[in-house]
């Protein structure tokens, strides 16, 4: 199972809110909602987050065995 826990930790470390992602970087609120619910997002969105947050993929998602 993919976990987005690192995403929220990275946002906190970088002092960026989901509001900022939506309004400054044009990330859709639907994408943020999908992450909150633990649903999948595209690799293109992961790439966008890595660029915006200047981080690695492992700072956005991690695999957790069920």
Protein backbone atom coordinates (compact mmCIF):
# COMPACT_ATOMS: atom_id res chain seq x y z
CA UNK A 1 0.00 0.00 0.00
CA UNK A 2 1.25 3.49 -0.83
CA UNK A 3 1.37 5.91 2.09
CA UNK A 4 1.42 9.68 1.71
CA UNK A 5 2.67 10.25 5.26
CA UNK A 6 6.02 11.54 3.97
CA UNK A 7 4.16 14.13 1.86
CA UNK A 8 2.54 15.70 4.92
CA UNK A 9 5.83 15.61 6.84
CA UNK A 10 7.62 17.30 3.93
CA UNK A 11 4.97 20.02 3.72
CA UNK A 12 5.35 20.66 7.44
CA UNK A 13 9.18 20.79 7.23
CA UNK A 14 9.03 23.22 4.30
CA UNK A 15 6.29 25.28 5.96
CA UNK A 16 3.96 24.91 2.96
CA UNK A 17 0.22 24.39 3.31
CA UNK A 18 -2.18 22.62 1.01
CA UNK A 19 -3.78 26.05 0.52
CA UNK A 20 -0.46 27.32 -0.88
CA UNK A 21 -0.18 24.32 -3.21
CA UNK A 22 -3.66 24.99 -4.55
CA UNK A 23 -3.47 28.76 -4.89
CA UNK A 24 0.19 29.45 -5.68
CA UNK A 25 1.18 26.30 -7.59
CA UNK A 26 -2.19 25.47 -9.20
CA UNK A 27 -2.43 21.97 -7.73
CA UNK A 28 -6.09 20.99 -7.88
CA UNK A 29 -8.02 20.59 -4.66
CA UNK A 30 -9.13 17.20 -6.04
CA UNK A 31 -5.50 16.03 -6.02
CA UNK A 32 -5.06 17.14 -2.41
CA UNK A 33 -8.33 15.39 -1.54
CA UNK A 34 -7.13 12.15 -3.23
CA UNK A 35 -3.94 12.27 -1.14
CA UNK A 36 -5.91 12.90 2.06
CA UNK A 37 -8.09 9.87 1.31
CA UNK A 38 -5.10 7.70 0.41
CA UNK A 39 -6.16 7.30 -3.22
CA UNK A 40 -3.71 7.10 -6.08
CA UNK A 41 -2.26 10.06 -7.94
CA UNK A 42 -0.35 10.08 -11.21
CA UNK A 43 3.41 9.97 -11.47
CA UNK A 44 3.14 13.34 -13.22
CA UNK A 45 1.65 14.79 -10.02
CA UNK A 46 4.40 13.19 -7.94
CA UNK A 47 6.90 14.80 -10.32
CA UNK A 48 5.13 18.16 -9.85
CA UNK A 49 5.35 17.83 -6.07
CA UNK A 50 9.04 16.92 -6.22
CA UNK A 51 9.72 20.01 -8.35
CA UNK A 52 7.61 22.34 -6.18
CA UNK A 53 8.97 21.03 -2.88
CA UNK A 54 12.51 20.44 -4.18
CA UNK A 55 12.54 16.92 -2.79
CA UNK A 56 12.83 13.23 -3.69
CA UNK A 57 9.99 10.81 -4.44
CA UNK A 58 10.61 9.20 -1.04
CA UNK A 59 9.68 12.55 0.53
CA UNK A 60 6.23 12.23 -1.07
CA UNK A 61 5.29 8.54 -0.91
CA UNK A 62 6.44 5.28 0.64
CA UNK A 63 5.41 1.67 0.31
CA UNK A 64 3.96 0.05 3.44
CA UNK A 65 3.14 -3.65 3.54
CA UNK A 66 -0.44 -4.34 4.55
